[in-house]
C-alpha atoms as a PDB file:
ATOM      1  CA  UNK A   1     -40.723  55.582  22.142  1.00  0.00           C
ATOM      2  CA  UNK A   2     -43.137  52.714  22.301  1.00  0.00           C
ATOM      3  CA  UNK A   3     -42.726  49.375  20.351  1.00  0.00           C
ATOM      4  CA  UNK A   4     -45.477  50.565  18.108  1.00  0.00           C
ATOM      5  CA  UNK A   5     -43.210  53.572  17.035  1.00  0.00           C
ATOM      6  CA  UNK A   6     -40.338  51.249  16.485  1.00  0.00           C
ATOM      7  CA  UNK A   7     -42.550  48.975  14.293  1.00  0.00           C
ATOM      8  CA  UNK A   8     -42.925  52.123  12.170  1.00  0.00           C
ATOM      9  CA  UNK A   9     -39.143  52.665  12.010  1.00  0.00           C
ATOM     10  CA  UNK A  10     -38.739  49.119  10.997  1.00  0.00           C
ATOM     11  CA  UNK A  11     -41.066  49.749   7.899  1.00  0.00           C
ATOM     12  CA  UNK A  12     -39.045  53.043   7.216  1.00  0.00           C
ATOM     13  CA  UNK A  13     -35.764  51.338   7.297  1.00  0.00           C
ATOM     14  CA  UNK A  14     -36.870  48.470   4.847  1.00  0.00           C
ATOM     15  CA  UNK A  15     -38.186  51.213   2.639  1.00  0.00           C
ATOM     16  CA  UNK A  16     -34.957  53.218   2.768  1.00  0.00           C
ATOM     17  CA  UNK A  17     -36.871  56.156   4.229  1.00  0.00           C
ATOM     18  CA  UNK A  18     -35.222  56.319   7.677  1.00  0.00           C
ATOM     19  CA  UNK A  19     -32.854  58.978   8.712  1.00  0.00           C
ATOM     20  CA  UNK A  20     -29.604  58.059  10.397  1.00  0.00           C
ATOM     21  CA  UNK A  21     -30.539  59.092  13.803  1.00  0.00           C
ATOM     22  CA  UNK A  22     -33.747  57.129  13.939  1.00  0.00           C
ATOM     23  CA  UNK A  23     -31.754  54.120  12.395  1.00  0.00           C
ATOM     24  CA  UNK A  24     -29.325  54.323  15.272  1.00  0.00           C
ATOM     25  CA  UNK A  25     -32.373  54.478  17.722  1.00  0.00           C
ATOM     26  CA  UNK A  26     -33.940  51.413  16.043  1.00  0.00           C
ATOM     27  CA  UNK A  27     -30.813  49.336  16.228  1.00  0.00           C
ATOM     28  CA  UNK A  28     -30.339  50.300  19.862  1.00  0.00           C
ATOM     29  CA  UNK A  29     -33.775  49.286  20.566  1.00  0.00           C
ATOM     30  CA  UNK A  30     -33.864  45.782  18.714  1.00  0.00           C
ATOM     31  CA  UNK A  31     -30.780  44.899  20.656  1.00  0.00           C
ATOM     32  CA  UNK A  32     -32.862  44.976  23.879  1.00  0.00           C
ATOM     33  CA  UNK A  33     -36.305  44.198  22.881  1.00  0.00           C
ATOM     34  CA  UNK A  34     -36.977  40.548  21.764  1.00  0.00           C
ATOM     35  CA  UNK A  35     -40.463  41.441  20.427  1.00  0.00           C
ATOM     36  CA  UNK A  36     -39.145  44.126  17.986  1.00  0.00           C
ATOM     37  CA  UNK A  37     -36.083  42.248  17.303  1.00  0.00           C
ATOM     38  CA  UNK A  38     -38.273  39.415  15.926  1.00  0.00           C
ATOM     39  CA  UNK A  39     -40.468  41.773  13.910  1.00  0.00           C
ATOM     40  CA  UNK A  40     -37.366  43.106  12.333  1.00  0.00           C
ATOM     41  CA  UNK A  41     -35.866  39.664  11.459  1.00  0.00           C
ATOM     42  CA  UNK A  42     -39.495  38.450  10.299  1.00  0.00           C
ATOM     43  CA  UNK A  43     -39.728  41.426   7.943  1.00  0.00           C
ATOM     44  CA  UNK A  44     -36.238  40.827   6.624  1.00  0.00           C
ATOM     45  CA  UNK A  45     -36.914  37.136   5.961  1.00  0.00           C
ATOM     46  CA  UNK A  46     -39.991  38.200   4.257  1.00  0.00           C
ATOM     47  CA  UNK A  47     -38.476  40.650   1.963  1.00  0.00           C
ATOM     48  CA  UNK A  48     -35.538  38.289   1.209  1.00  0.00           C
ATOM     49  CA  UNK A  49     -38.079  35.781   0.094  1.00  0.00           C
ATOM     50  CA  UNK A  50     -40.054  38.090  -2.112  1.00  0.00           C
ATOM     51  CA  UNK A  51     -36.893  39.294  -3.671  1.00  0.00           C
ATOM     52  CA  UNK A  52     -35.884  35.841  -4.828  1.00  0.00           C
ATOM     53  CA  UNK A  53     -39.488  35.258  -6.177  1.00  0.00           C
ATOM     54  CA  UNK A  54     -39.585  35.227  -9.972  1.00  0.00           C
ATOM     55  CA  UNK A  55     -41.794  37.857 -11.629  1.00  0.00           C
ATOM     56  CA  UNK A  56     -44.562  36.439 -13.857  1.00  0.00           C
ATOM     57  CA  UNK A  57     -46.221  38.080 -16.836  1.00  0.00           C
ATOM     58  CA  UNK A  58     -49.780  39.003 -16.133  1.00  0.00           C
ATOM     59  CA  UNK A  59     -52.310  37.958 -19.024  1.00  0.00           C
ATOM     60  CA  UNK A  60     -53.528  40.852 -21.096  1.00  0.00           C
ATOM     61  CA  UNK A  61     -57.175  40.061 -20.304  1.00  0.00           C
ATOM     62  CA  UNK A  62     -56.451  40.555 -16.611  1.00  0.00           C
ATOM     63  CA  UNK A  63     -55.044  43.971 -17.125  1.00  0.00           C
ATOM     64  CA  UNK A  64     -58.098  44.879 -19.006  1.00  0.00           C
ATOM     65  CA  UNK A  65     -60.679  43.448 -16.634  1.00  0.00           C
ATOM     66  CA  UNK A  66     -59.298  45.245 -13.569  1.00  0.00           C
ATOM     67  CA  UNK A  67     -58.394  48.650 -14.872  1.00  0.00           C
END
């Protein structure tokens, strides 16, 4: 597999859509590949920050305007 294919597996992993065999392949690969490990860690950090970001209420006029 190429790194671009592993990047797809990273997305599947964080979307909880990866099967166990691909998950094992992904973790085996990121132990050896610094580029993919960095992508994995960056995605993990970004999603962690987003999880901690408070939700805001969208103004009603905004919802109407962009329907």
